[in-house]
N, C-alpha and C. Protein backbone atom coordinates (compact mmCIF):
# COMPACT_ATOMS: atom_id res chain seq x y z
N MET A 1 11.68 -32.37 24.65
CA MET A 1 10.13 -31.91 25.12
C MET A 1 8.88 -32.47 24.49
N ALA A 2 7.78 -32.79 25.25
CA ALA A 2 6.93 -33.37 24.39
C ALA A 2 5.79 -32.09 23.86
N ARG A 3 5.28 -32.36 22.66
CA ARG A 3 4.66 -31.18 22.05
C ARG A 3 3.31 -31.00 22.60
N SER A 4 2.72 -29.87 22.76
CA SER A 4 1.39 -29.79 23.28
C SER A 4 0.35 -30.27 22.09
N LYS A 5 -0.96 -30.44 22.46
CA LYS A 5 -1.87 -30.86 21.58
C LYS A 5 -2.13 -30.00 20.71
N SER A 6 -2.15 -28.76 21.11
CA SER A 6 -2.50 -27.73 20.04
C SER A 6 -1.17 -27.65 18.85
N SER A 7 -0.10 -27.77 19.32
CA SER A 7 1.00 -27.51 18.40
C SER A 7 1.23 -28.97 17.31
N LYS A 8 0.71 -30.09 18.08
CA LYS A 8 0.56 -31.15 17.05
C LYS A 8 -0.35 -31.15 16.06
N GLN A 9 -1.47 -30.69 16.48
CA GLN A 9 -2.64 -30.10 15.52
C GLN A 9 -2.12 -29.10 14.54
N TRP A 10 -1.29 -28.20 14.95
CA TRP A 10 -0.93 -27.14 13.86
C TRP A 10 -0.14 -27.71 13.01
N LEU A 11 1.07 -28.55 13.43
CA LEU A 11 1.98 -29.15 12.50
C LEU A 11 1.21 -30.09 11.28
N ARG A 12 0.04 -30.94 12.21
CA ARG A 12 -0.74 -31.87 11.00
C ARG A 12 -1.25 -31.12 10.18
N GLU A 13 -2.29 -29.87 10.54
CA GLU A 13 -2.76 -29.01 9.39
C GLU A 13 -1.74 -28.36 8.58
N HIS A 14 -0.39 -28.14 8.78
CA HIS A 14 0.39 -27.47 8.00
C HIS A 14 0.66 -28.50 7.06
N PHE A 15 1.12 -29.48 7.43
CA PHE A 15 1.89 -30.39 6.27
C PHE A 15 0.95 -31.20 5.66
N GLN A 16 -0.27 -30.86 5.83
CA GLN A 16 -1.33 -31.52 4.98
C GLN A 16 -2.11 -30.19 4.35
N ASP A 17 -1.64 -29.29 4.35
CA ASP A 17 -1.95 -27.88 3.44
C ASP A 17 -1.46 -28.30 2.16
N PRO A 18 -2.61 -28.10 1.07
CA PRO A 18 -2.27 -28.21 -0.29
C PRO A 18 -1.21 -27.13 -0.63
N PHE A 19 -1.06 -26.05 -0.04
CA PHE A 19 -0.28 -25.04 -0.62
C PHE A 19 1.10 -25.43 0.02
N VAL A 20 1.29 -25.91 1.10
CA VAL A 20 2.15 -26.18 1.58
C VAL A 20 3.04 -27.39 0.70
N GLN A 21 2.13 -28.24 0.53
CA GLN A 21 2.70 -29.40 -0.22
C GLN A 21 2.85 -28.93 -1.94
N ARG A 22 2.40 -27.96 -2.39
CA ARG A 22 2.53 -27.71 -3.80
C ARG A 22 4.07 -26.76 -3.71
N ALA A 23 3.99 -25.91 -2.70
CA ALA A 23 5.60 -25.27 -2.66
C ALA A 23 6.41 -25.96 -2.45
N ALA A 24 6.56 -27.23 -1.66
CA ALA A 24 7.66 -28.12 -1.80
C ALA A 24 8.05 -28.47 -3.01
N ARG A 25 6.69 -28.96 -3.87
CA ARG A 25 6.95 -29.44 -5.14
C ARG A 25 7.47 -28.44 -6.08
N GLU A 26 7.14 -27.11 -6.13
CA GLU A 26 7.45 -26.18 -7.04
C GLU A 26 8.88 -25.37 -6.54
N GLY A 27 9.07 -25.74 -5.51
CA GLY A 27 10.58 -24.97 -5.03
C GLY A 27 10.30 -23.69 -4.44
N TYR A 28 9.09 -23.37 -3.83
CA TYR A 28 9.12 -22.37 -3.19
C TYR A 28 9.24 -22.50 -1.76
N ARG A 29 9.93 -21.15 -1.19
CA ARG A 29 10.23 -21.45 0.47
C ARG A 29 8.91 -21.51 1.04
N SER A 30 8.00 -21.07 1.12
CA SER A 30 6.86 -21.00 2.00
C SER A 30 5.47 -20.65 1.01
N ARG A 31 4.38 -21.38 1.64
CA ARG A 31 3.10 -21.07 1.26
C ARG A 31 2.73 -19.53 0.77
N ALA A 32 3.24 -18.92 1.36
CA ALA A 32 2.99 -17.22 1.08
C ALA A 32 3.32 -17.06 -0.01
N SER A 33 4.21 -17.58 -0.80
CA SER A 33 4.48 -17.42 -2.45
C SER A 33 3.10 -17.54 -3.06
N TYR A 34 2.25 -18.25 -2.95
CA TYR A 34 0.91 -18.41 -3.78
C TYR A 34 0.00 -17.11 -3.35
N LYS A 35 -0.12 -16.55 -2.27
CA LYS A 35 -0.46 -15.29 -1.83
C LYS A 35 -0.12 -14.07 -2.61
N LEU A 36 1.26 -14.00 -3.01
CA LEU A 36 1.68 -12.97 -4.00
C LEU A 36 1.47 -13.29 -5.24
N LEU A 37 1.72 -14.45 -5.68
CA LEU A 37 1.30 -14.93 -7.03
C LEU A 37 -0.07 -14.43 -7.46
N GLU A 38 -1.22 -14.77 -6.33
CA GLU A 38 -2.44 -14.71 -6.75
C GLU A 38 -2.79 -13.07 -7.13
N ILE A 39 -2.11 -12.30 -5.93
CA ILE A 39 -2.46 -10.74 -6.24
C ILE A 39 -1.53 -10.52 -7.61
N GLN A 40 -0.55 -10.89 -7.78
CA GLN A 40 0.15 -10.36 -9.08
C GLN A 40 -0.73 -10.78 -10.12
N GLU A 41 -1.28 -11.93 -10.21
CA GLU A 41 -2.24 -12.34 -11.45
C GLU A 41 -3.41 -11.27 -11.28
N LYS A 42 -3.80 -10.80 -10.57
CA LYS A 42 -5.40 -9.89 -10.50
C LYS A 42 -4.57 -8.59 -10.73
N ASP A 43 -3.76 -8.07 -10.14
CA ASP A 43 -3.02 -6.84 -10.06
C ASP A 43 -1.92 -6.16 -10.69
N GLY A 44 -1.35 -7.31 -11.04
CA GLY A 44 -0.09 -6.74 -11.85
C GLY A 44 0.78 -5.84 -10.94
N LEU A 45 0.86 -6.18 -9.88
CA LEU A 45 1.84 -4.99 -9.24
C LEU A 45 3.39 -5.20 -9.22
N LEU A 46 3.76 -6.31 -9.78
CA LEU A 46 5.40 -6.56 -10.19
C LEU A 46 5.56 -6.34 -11.67
N ARG A 47 6.66 -5.78 -12.08
CA ARG A 47 7.00 -5.69 -13.40
C ARG A 47 8.53 -5.85 -13.55
N ARG A 48 8.97 -6.06 -14.57
CA ARG A 48 10.21 -6.25 -14.85
C ARG A 48 11.19 -4.82 -14.81
N GLY A 49 12.33 -4.96 -13.87
CA GLY A 49 12.93 -3.68 -13.86
C GLY A 49 12.49 -3.05 -12.53
N GLN A 50 11.52 -3.13 -11.66
CA GLN A 50 11.44 -2.51 -10.50
C GLN A 50 12.22 -2.50 -9.37
N ARG A 51 12.26 -1.58 -8.61
CA ARG A 51 13.03 -1.51 -7.34
C ARG A 51 12.16 -1.84 -6.48
N VAL A 52 12.41 -2.93 -5.74
CA VAL A 52 11.58 -3.71 -4.68
C VAL A 52 12.08 -3.73 -3.15
N LEU A 53 11.46 -3.48 -2.45
CA LEU A 53 11.74 -3.58 -0.92
C LEU A 53 10.74 -4.58 -0.35
N ASP A 54 11.44 -5.51 0.11
CA ASP A 54 10.53 -6.64 0.99
C ASP A 54 11.07 -6.87 2.15
N LEU A 55 9.73 -6.39 3.14
CA LEU A 55 9.78 -6.39 4.64
C LEU A 55 9.20 -7.76 5.19
N GLY A 56 9.88 -8.20 6.20
CA GLY A 56 9.39 -9.30 6.68
C GLY A 56 9.52 -10.74 5.80
N ALA A 57 10.52 -10.59 5.20
CA ALA A 57 10.95 -11.30 3.95
C ALA A 57 11.11 -12.87 4.36
N ALA A 58 11.89 -13.30 5.40
CA ALA A 58 12.13 -14.72 5.80
C ALA A 58 10.95 -15.61 5.82
N PRO A 59 11.05 -16.77 5.21
CA PRO A 59 12.12 -17.13 4.61
C PRO A 59 12.24 -16.88 3.12
N GLY A 60 11.60 -16.08 2.48
CA GLY A 60 12.05 -15.77 0.92
C GLY A 60 11.09 -16.12 0.05
N GLY A 61 9.88 -16.56 0.37
CA GLY A 61 9.05 -16.91 -0.58
C GLY A 61 8.45 -15.96 -1.31
N TRP A 62 8.19 -14.57 -0.79
CA TRP A 62 7.71 -13.43 -1.64
C TRP A 62 8.90 -12.96 -2.44
N THR A 63 10.05 -12.80 -1.95
CA THR A 63 11.44 -12.49 -2.71
C THR A 63 11.64 -13.42 -3.86
N GLN A 64 11.27 -14.51 -3.60
CA GLN A 64 11.63 -15.50 -4.89
C GLN A 64 10.70 -15.33 -5.90
N VAL A 65 9.22 -14.91 -5.54
CA VAL A 65 8.32 -14.50 -6.75
C VAL A 65 8.63 -13.16 -7.26
N ALA A 66 9.28 -12.23 -6.55
CA ALA A 66 9.45 -10.88 -7.06
C ALA A 66 10.76 -10.64 -7.88
N ALA A 67 11.89 -11.62 -7.31
CA ALA A 67 13.12 -11.78 -7.90
C ALA A 67 12.76 -12.30 -9.58
N ALA A 68 11.94 -13.26 -9.59
CA ALA A 68 11.94 -13.81 -10.84
C ALA A 68 10.98 -12.95 -11.77
N ILE A 69 10.40 -11.80 -11.47
CA ILE A 69 9.29 -11.14 -12.17
C ILE A 69 10.25 -9.94 -12.50
N VAL A 70 11.07 -9.28 -11.47
CA VAL A 70 11.53 -8.01 -11.81
C VAL A 70 12.74 -8.14 -12.73
N GLY A 71 13.47 -9.48 -12.57
CA GLY A 71 14.62 -9.80 -13.44
C GLY A 71 15.98 -8.94 -13.03
N SER A 72 16.83 -9.31 -13.67
CA SER A 72 18.34 -8.71 -13.52
C SER A 72 18.15 -7.19 -13.79
N GLU A 73 17.28 -6.42 -14.15
CA GLU A 73 17.24 -5.01 -14.60
C GLU A 73 16.68 -4.59 -13.23
N GLY A 74 15.85 -5.21 -12.39
CA GLY A 74 15.27 -4.79 -11.18
C GLY A 74 16.30 -4.82 -10.30
N ARG A 75 15.77 -4.55 -8.86
CA ARG A 75 16.62 -4.48 -7.71
C ARG A 75 15.74 -4.69 -6.60
N ILE A 76 16.05 -5.73 -5.81
CA ILE A 76 15.14 -6.18 -4.65
C ILE A 76 16.17 -6.25 -3.54
N VAL A 77 15.68 -5.61 -2.38
CA VAL A 77 16.21 -5.77 -1.11
C VAL A 77 15.27 -6.28 -0.22
N ALA A 78 15.55 -7.54 0.33
CA ALA A 78 14.91 -8.36 1.39
C ALA A 78 15.35 -8.37 2.90
N VAL A 79 14.45 -7.69 3.82
CA VAL A 79 14.66 -7.51 5.15
C VAL A 79 13.78 -8.43 6.12
N ASP A 80 14.52 -9.06 6.88
CA ASP A 80 14.00 -9.59 7.90
C ASP A 80 14.75 -9.84 9.39
N ARG A 81 14.31 -10.02 10.42
CA ARG A 81 15.35 -9.89 11.80
C ARG A 81 15.69 -11.65 11.79
N LEU A 82 15.05 -12.52 11.01
CA LEU A 82 15.37 -13.92 11.01
C LEU A 82 16.44 -14.09 9.93
N ALA A 83 17.25 -14.90 10.15
CA ALA A 83 18.36 -15.47 9.26
C ALA A 83 17.73 -16.11 7.78
N MET A 84 18.23 -15.73 6.86
CA MET A 84 17.49 -16.00 5.36
C MET A 84 18.38 -16.51 4.35
N ASP A 85 18.12 -17.85 3.76
CA ASP A 85 19.26 -18.35 2.57
C ASP A 85 19.13 -17.05 1.42
N PRO A 86 20.16 -16.89 1.09
CA PRO A 86 20.30 -15.96 -0.14
C PRO A 86 19.48 -16.33 -1.40
N VAL A 87 18.91 -15.42 -2.01
CA VAL A 87 17.92 -15.36 -3.12
C VAL A 87 18.66 -14.90 -4.30
N PRO A 88 18.68 -15.57 -5.40
CA PRO A 88 19.65 -15.16 -6.29
C PRO A 88 18.85 -13.81 -7.15
N GLY A 89 19.51 -12.63 -7.15
CA GLY A 89 18.87 -11.41 -7.79
C GLY A 89 18.50 -10.40 -6.44
N ALA A 90 18.83 -10.87 -5.34
CA ALA A 90 18.24 -10.22 -4.33
C ALA A 90 19.46 -9.90 -3.13
N LEU A 91 19.31 -8.75 -2.78
CA LEU A 91 19.97 -8.47 -1.53
C LEU A 91 19.35 -8.85 -0.30
N VAL A 92 20.00 -9.60 0.53
CA VAL A 92 19.47 -9.96 1.72
C VAL A 92 20.08 -9.20 3.06
N ILE A 93 19.16 -8.68 3.71
CA ILE A 93 19.67 -8.16 5.10
C ILE A 93 19.12 -8.49 6.11
N GLN A 94 19.86 -8.95 7.39
CA GLN A 94 19.46 -9.56 8.41
C GLN A 94 19.37 -8.61 9.29
N GLY A 95 18.06 -8.10 10.01
CA GLY A 95 18.17 -7.12 11.12
C GLY A 95 16.96 -6.54 11.23
N ASP A 96 16.62 -5.67 12.14
CA ASP A 96 15.42 -5.27 12.53
C ASP A 96 15.04 -3.89 11.64
N ILE A 97 14.12 -3.74 10.81
CA ILE A 97 13.88 -2.63 10.21
C ILE A 97 13.72 -1.27 11.01
N TYR A 98 13.59 -1.35 12.19
CA TYR A 98 13.48 -0.29 12.97
C TYR A 98 15.06 0.23 13.41
N ASP A 99 15.97 -0.69 13.14
CA ASP A 99 17.52 -0.15 13.20
C ASP A 99 17.95 0.65 12.22
N GLU A 100 18.55 1.82 12.72
CA GLU A 100 19.09 2.87 11.88
C GLU A 100 20.25 2.38 10.79
N ALA A 101 20.96 1.35 11.45
CA ALA A 101 21.98 0.72 10.42
C ALA A 101 21.36 -0.10 9.31
N VAL A 102 20.19 -0.84 9.62
CA VAL A 102 19.53 -1.39 8.39
C VAL A 102 18.85 -0.50 7.50
N ILE A 103 18.15 0.45 8.08
CA ILE A 103 17.63 1.64 7.20
C ILE A 103 18.60 2.38 6.31
N ALA A 104 19.94 2.33 6.97
CA ALA A 104 20.95 3.23 6.13
C ALA A 104 21.16 2.32 4.95
N GLN A 105 21.53 0.92 5.16
CA GLN A 105 21.56 -0.04 4.11
C GLN A 105 20.67 -0.19 2.95
N CYS A 106 19.36 0.21 3.29
CA CYS A 106 18.27 0.17 2.40
C CYS A 106 18.31 1.57 1.53
N ARG A 107 18.62 2.82 2.21
CA ARG A 107 18.57 4.05 1.45
C ARG A 107 19.76 3.75 0.36
N ALA A 108 20.97 3.24 0.85
CA ALA A 108 21.95 3.13 -0.07
C ALA A 108 21.73 2.18 -1.21
N ALA A 109 21.12 1.31 -0.99
CA ALA A 109 20.52 0.38 -2.32
C ALA A 109 19.30 1.01 -3.12
N PHE A 110 18.82 2.18 -2.60
CA PHE A 110 18.01 2.64 -3.25
C PHE A 110 18.12 4.21 -3.44
N PRO A 111 19.08 4.64 -3.95
CA PRO A 111 19.20 6.29 -4.15
C PRO A 111 18.31 6.82 -4.79
N GLU A 112 17.81 6.30 -5.78
CA GLU A 112 16.65 7.00 -6.77
C GLU A 112 15.20 6.72 -6.10
N GLY A 113 15.05 6.03 -5.02
CA GLY A 113 13.80 5.81 -4.62
C GLY A 113 13.38 4.09 -4.83
N VAL A 114 12.23 3.82 -4.37
CA VAL A 114 11.52 2.46 -4.65
C VAL A 114 10.21 2.59 -5.26
N ASP A 115 10.06 1.85 -6.12
CA ASP A 115 8.84 1.77 -6.78
C ASP A 115 7.56 0.90 -6.20
N LEU A 116 8.23 -0.23 -5.34
CA LEU A 116 7.14 -1.08 -4.61
C LEU A 116 7.62 -1.41 -3.30
N ILE A 117 6.97 -1.50 -2.31
CA ILE A 117 7.23 -1.93 -1.11
C ILE A 117 6.22 -3.09 -0.76
N LEU A 118 6.97 -4.40 -0.40
CA LEU A 118 6.08 -5.58 0.04
C LEU A 118 6.34 -5.68 1.79
N SER A 119 4.98 -5.92 2.31
CA SER A 119 5.17 -5.96 3.59
C SER A 119 4.35 -7.21 4.03
N ASP A 120 5.22 -8.39 4.55
CA ASP A 120 4.33 -9.61 4.97
C ASP A 120 4.76 -9.73 6.47
N MET A 121 5.07 -8.57 7.01
CA MET A 121 5.45 -8.43 8.66
C MET A 121 4.40 -8.77 9.35
N ALA A 122 4.56 -9.49 10.53
CA ALA A 122 3.58 -10.11 11.34
C ALA A 122 4.44 -10.04 12.73
N PRO A 123 3.80 -9.62 13.94
CA PRO A 123 4.37 -9.74 15.22
C PRO A 123 4.36 -10.98 15.73
N ASN A 124 5.34 -11.28 16.55
CA ASN A 124 5.41 -12.23 17.52
C ASN A 124 4.15 -12.41 18.46
N LEU A 125 3.40 -13.54 18.37
CA LEU A 125 2.11 -13.36 19.05
C LEU A 125 2.26 -13.82 20.59
N SER A 126 1.62 -12.85 21.23
CA SER A 126 1.74 -13.18 22.77
C SER A 126 0.79 -14.03 23.49
N GLY A 127 -0.25 -13.97 22.57
CA GLY A 127 -1.57 -14.55 23.11
C GLY A 127 -2.65 -13.90 23.73
N ILE A 128 -2.13 -12.38 23.92
CA ILE A 128 -3.01 -11.32 24.36
C ILE A 128 -3.31 -10.69 23.00
N ALA A 129 -4.80 -10.82 22.78
CA ALA A 129 -5.15 -10.19 21.59
C ALA A 129 -5.07 -8.97 21.29
N SER A 130 -5.25 -7.77 22.37
CA SER A 130 -5.43 -6.68 22.08
C SER A 130 -3.88 -5.98 21.81
N ALA A 131 -2.83 -6.77 22.67
CA ALA A 131 -1.31 -6.39 22.23
C ALA A 131 -0.98 -6.59 21.10
N ASP A 132 -1.53 -7.86 20.96
CA ASP A 132 -0.81 -8.67 19.52
C ASP A 132 -1.41 -7.64 18.30
N GLN A 133 -2.79 -7.25 18.39
CA GLN A 133 -3.38 -6.28 17.10
C GLN A 133 -2.56 -4.94 17.30
N ALA A 134 -2.21 -4.52 18.60
CA ALA A 134 -1.56 -3.32 18.36
C ALA A 134 -0.20 -3.43 17.70
N ARG A 135 0.47 -4.47 18.15
CA ARG A 135 1.90 -4.75 17.67
C ARG A 135 1.68 -4.73 15.81
N ALA A 136 0.64 -5.67 15.46
CA ALA A 136 0.38 -5.79 14.00
C ALA A 136 0.19 -4.39 13.43
N VAL A 137 -0.61 -3.51 14.08
CA VAL A 137 -0.81 -2.17 13.38
C VAL A 137 0.33 -1.55 13.15
N ALA A 138 0.96 -1.55 14.30
CA ALA A 138 2.18 -0.67 14.50
C ALA A 138 3.30 -1.07 13.18
N LEU A 139 3.28 -2.40 12.84
CA LEU A 139 3.87 -2.78 11.88
C LEU A 139 3.67 -2.08 10.41
N CYS A 140 2.43 -2.20 10.39
CA CYS A 140 1.72 -1.38 9.12
C CYS A 140 2.15 -0.18 9.15
N GLU A 141 2.07 0.62 10.35
CA GLU A 141 2.47 2.30 10.32
C GLU A 141 3.71 2.18 9.66
N LEU A 142 4.54 1.26 10.45
CA LEU A 142 6.13 1.45 9.94
C LEU A 142 6.25 1.12 8.46
N ALA A 143 5.38 0.41 7.86
CA ALA A 143 5.65 0.26 6.40
C ALA A 143 5.04 1.58 5.41
N LEU A 144 4.06 2.04 6.19
CA LEU A 144 3.31 3.34 5.59
C LEU A 144 4.47 4.26 5.66
N ASP A 145 5.03 4.65 6.94
CA ASP A 145 6.20 5.29 7.18
C ASP A 145 7.55 5.46 6.14
N LEU A 146 7.84 4.26 5.96
CA LEU A 146 8.85 3.95 4.89
C LEU A 146 8.43 4.16 3.46
N ALA A 147 7.14 3.92 3.19
CA ALA A 147 6.51 3.88 1.80
C ALA A 147 6.48 5.84 1.66
N ARG A 148 6.13 6.60 2.59
CA ARG A 148 6.13 7.98 2.45
C ARG A 148 7.63 8.46 2.18
N GLU A 149 8.46 7.85 3.10
CA GLU A 149 9.87 8.52 2.87
C GLU A 149 10.58 7.87 1.25
N TRP A 150 10.31 6.65 0.76
CA TRP A 150 11.10 5.88 -0.33
C TRP A 150 10.39 5.73 -1.47
N LEU A 151 8.90 5.73 -1.52
CA LEU A 151 8.20 5.61 -2.54
C LEU A 151 8.50 6.81 -3.71
N VAL A 152 8.71 6.30 -5.08
CA VAL A 152 8.71 7.34 -5.76
C VAL A 152 7.10 7.55 -6.23
N PRO A 153 6.64 8.75 -6.90
CA PRO A 153 5.45 9.21 -7.27
C PRO A 153 4.70 7.99 -7.89
N GLY A 154 3.69 7.59 -7.61
CA GLY A 154 3.02 6.44 -8.26
C GLY A 154 3.24 5.14 -7.83
N GLY A 155 4.35 5.18 -6.99
CA GLY A 155 4.66 3.96 -6.36
C GLY A 155 3.45 3.03 -5.71
N LYS A 156 3.89 1.79 -5.26
CA LYS A 156 2.77 1.06 -4.72
C LYS A 156 3.25 0.46 -3.37
N LEU A 157 2.43 -0.16 -2.63
CA LEU A 157 2.63 -0.56 -1.17
C LEU A 157 1.70 -1.70 -0.99
N LEU A 158 2.20 -3.05 -0.94
CA LEU A 158 1.46 -4.05 -0.58
C LEU A 158 1.67 -4.64 0.99
N MET A 159 0.81 -4.93 2.00
CA MET A 159 1.12 -5.04 3.16
C MET A 159 -0.08 -5.83 3.78
N LYS A 160 0.49 -6.79 4.82
CA LYS A 160 -0.54 -7.81 5.38
C LYS A 160 -0.94 -6.69 6.53
N VAL A 161 -2.53 -6.84 6.60
CA VAL A 161 -3.29 -6.06 7.69
C VAL A 161 -4.06 -7.32 8.54
N PHE A 162 -4.07 -7.19 9.79
CA PHE A 162 -4.96 -8.02 10.70
C PHE A 162 -6.08 -7.02 10.93
N MET A 163 -7.40 -7.74 10.60
CA MET A 163 -8.47 -6.74 10.89
C MET A 163 -8.98 -6.61 12.26
N GLY A 164 -9.25 -5.72 13.14
CA GLY A 164 -9.19 -5.37 14.54
C GLY A 164 -9.20 -3.95 14.80
N ALA A 165 -9.01 -3.68 16.02
CA ALA A 165 -8.57 -2.35 16.21
C ALA A 165 -7.69 -1.65 15.63
N GLY A 166 -7.70 -0.56 15.31
CA GLY A 166 -7.04 0.43 14.50
C GLY A 166 -6.78 0.18 13.01
N ALA A 167 -7.49 -0.86 12.55
CA ALA A 167 -7.28 -1.21 10.82
C ALA A 167 -8.17 0.10 10.27
N GLN A 168 -9.39 0.54 10.74
CA GLN A 168 -9.95 1.56 9.90
C GLN A 168 -9.13 2.87 9.90
N GLU A 169 -8.51 3.26 11.15
CA GLU A 169 -7.67 4.32 11.17
C GLU A 169 -6.46 4.27 10.19
N LEU A 170 -6.04 2.98 10.05
CA LEU A 170 -4.82 2.74 9.24
C LEU A 170 -5.44 3.13 7.59
N ARG A 171 -6.35 2.49 7.40
CA ARG A 171 -7.09 2.82 6.10
C ARG A 171 -7.22 4.15 5.70
N ARG A 172 -7.71 4.99 6.73
CA ARG A 172 -7.88 6.37 6.53
C ARG A 172 -6.52 6.99 6.15
N GLU A 173 -5.30 6.83 7.00
CA GLU A 173 -4.23 7.06 6.75
C GLU A 173 -3.58 6.75 5.27
N LEU A 174 -3.77 5.49 4.91
CA LEU A 174 -3.34 5.13 3.71
C LEU A 174 -4.15 5.90 2.59
N GLN A 175 -5.21 6.28 2.70
CA GLN A 175 -6.10 7.03 1.78
C GLN A 175 -5.51 8.37 1.57
N GLY A 176 -4.85 8.99 2.74
CA GLY A 176 -4.07 10.28 2.42
C GLY A 176 -3.20 10.32 1.53
N SER A 177 -2.42 9.21 1.63
CA SER A 177 -1.39 9.05 0.44
C SER A 177 -1.24 8.40 -0.73
N PHE A 178 -2.49 7.58 -0.92
CA PHE A 178 -2.49 6.81 -2.12
C PHE A 178 -3.92 7.10 -2.78
N ARG A 179 -4.12 6.89 -4.00
CA ARG A 179 -5.32 7.16 -4.92
C ARG A 179 -6.43 6.08 -4.58
N ARG A 180 -5.76 4.83 -4.25
CA ARG A 180 -6.85 3.70 -4.50
C ARG A 180 -6.19 2.62 -3.47
N ILE A 181 -6.99 2.11 -2.75
CA ILE A 181 -6.73 0.77 -1.91
C ILE A 181 -7.53 -0.07 -2.23
N VAL A 182 -6.86 -1.42 -2.83
CA VAL A 182 -7.62 -2.85 -3.33
C VAL A 182 -7.28 -3.72 -1.97
N VAL A 183 -8.40 -4.42 -1.61
CA VAL A 183 -8.16 -5.42 -0.66
C VAL A 183 -8.46 -6.92 -1.29
N ARG A 184 -7.39 -7.66 -0.73
CA ARG A 184 -7.39 -8.94 -1.33
C ARG A 184 -7.15 -10.06 -0.21
N LYS A 185 -8.01 -11.08 -0.15
CA LYS A 185 -7.76 -12.41 0.53
C LYS A 185 -7.59 -13.39 -0.16
N PRO A 186 -6.17 -13.65 -0.42
CA PRO A 186 -5.89 -14.72 -1.45
C PRO A 186 -6.11 -16.00 -0.88
N GLU A 187 -6.42 -16.96 -1.79
CA GLU A 187 -7.00 -18.35 -1.62
C GLU A 187 -6.04 -19.11 -0.44
N ALA A 188 -4.52 -18.75 -0.73
CA ALA A 188 -3.84 -19.72 0.28
C ALA A 188 -3.74 -18.69 1.72
N SER A 189 -4.46 -17.74 1.71
CA SER A 189 -4.77 -17.19 3.06
C SER A 189 -5.81 -18.12 4.05
N ARG A 190 -5.53 -18.54 5.00
CA ARG A 190 -6.42 -19.34 5.75
C ARG A 190 -7.61 -18.70 6.12
N ALA A 191 -8.86 -19.42 5.85
CA ALA A 191 -10.03 -18.59 5.98
C ALA A 191 -10.53 -18.05 7.37
N ARG A 192 -9.84 -18.79 8.32
CA ARG A 192 -10.15 -18.33 9.80
C ARG A 192 -9.08 -17.40 10.16
N SER A 193 -7.91 -17.01 9.40
CA SER A 193 -7.16 -15.90 9.75
C SER A 193 -7.70 -14.61 9.68
N ALA A 194 -7.54 -13.62 10.40
CA ALA A 194 -7.96 -12.20 10.27
C ALA A 194 -7.12 -11.41 9.44
N GLU A 195 -6.26 -12.01 8.51
CA GLU A 195 -5.42 -11.30 7.67
C GLU A 195 -6.30 -10.86 6.31
N GLN A 196 -5.56 -9.79 5.98
CA GLN A 196 -6.10 -9.32 4.57
C GLN A 196 -4.75 -8.83 4.29
N TYR A 197 -4.89 -8.55 2.82
CA TYR A 197 -3.66 -7.74 2.06
C TYR A 197 -4.35 -6.80 1.39
N TRP A 198 -3.80 -5.73 1.76
CA TRP A 198 -4.06 -4.13 1.51
C TRP A 198 -3.07 -3.73 0.30
N LEU A 199 -3.34 -3.59 -0.97
CA LEU A 199 -2.75 -2.84 -2.09
C LEU A 199 -3.05 -1.34 -2.19
N ALA A 200 -2.16 -0.63 -1.53
CA ALA A 200 -2.18 0.71 -2.07
C ALA A 200 -1.46 1.28 -3.32
N LEU A 201 -2.34 1.85 -4.18
CA LEU A 201 -2.01 2.11 -5.47
C LEU A 201 -1.69 3.59 -5.91
N ASP A 202 -0.91 4.02 -6.59
CA ASP A 202 -0.45 5.36 -6.99
C ASP A 202 -0.26 6.47 -5.83
N TYR A 203 0.93 6.24 -5.21
CA TYR A 203 1.44 7.01 -4.27
C TYR A 203 1.36 8.69 -4.58
N ARG A 204 1.08 9.33 -3.71
CA ARG A 204 1.22 10.85 -4.13
C ARG A 204 1.92 11.49 -2.74
N PRO A 205 3.10 11.92 -3.24
CA PRO A 205 3.82 12.71 -2.33
C PRO A 205 3.21 13.88 -1.70
N PRO A 206 3.42 14.27 -0.37
CA PRO A 206 2.74 15.48 -0.03
C PRO A 206 3.33 16.61 -0.72
N SER A 207 2.76 17.56 -1.27
CA SER A 207 2.86 18.77 -1.82
C SER A 207 3.48 19.91 -1.41
């Protein structure tokens, strides 16, 4: 099947992207690795021995970064609906995080709770902006719900947020559960993208 003009342009931009080229040279599975590495450099969210849940993990760029930092003393569970090659030091679960069977596997892996939740989840785009934004916010709300259930006191949540309808309400929800919210736009995040990364720090369980 012939590719559309827009898909050809996307492919050309993708393979000319310096972060895509750098990832190929340095052995990372995606350019997204550099988003997490930059946030790590600024905020030090990952540390040795942590228990980390990585949502929307495929193809595994964030999982690679996290596994290298938390080391063998830590524990990482990476979840995605898409198939993903194994990452040394991580448990990879293929399935939908909405699925009770997947949630049960995550619970079993973290009986003492989670120190950090990473979410690079994004919806499959329909081309209908309002619907796509609503799905993106729903994924953020899911990550927040899981954080409220599994994070230990003082835990952290890093998630991708697409700015638009519902984002400010989401921020207010986060502020009700975390002491501080830091907003990052890593260099590897394309300037034209509406995505930001919100790092919610110091989780406060309900009293």
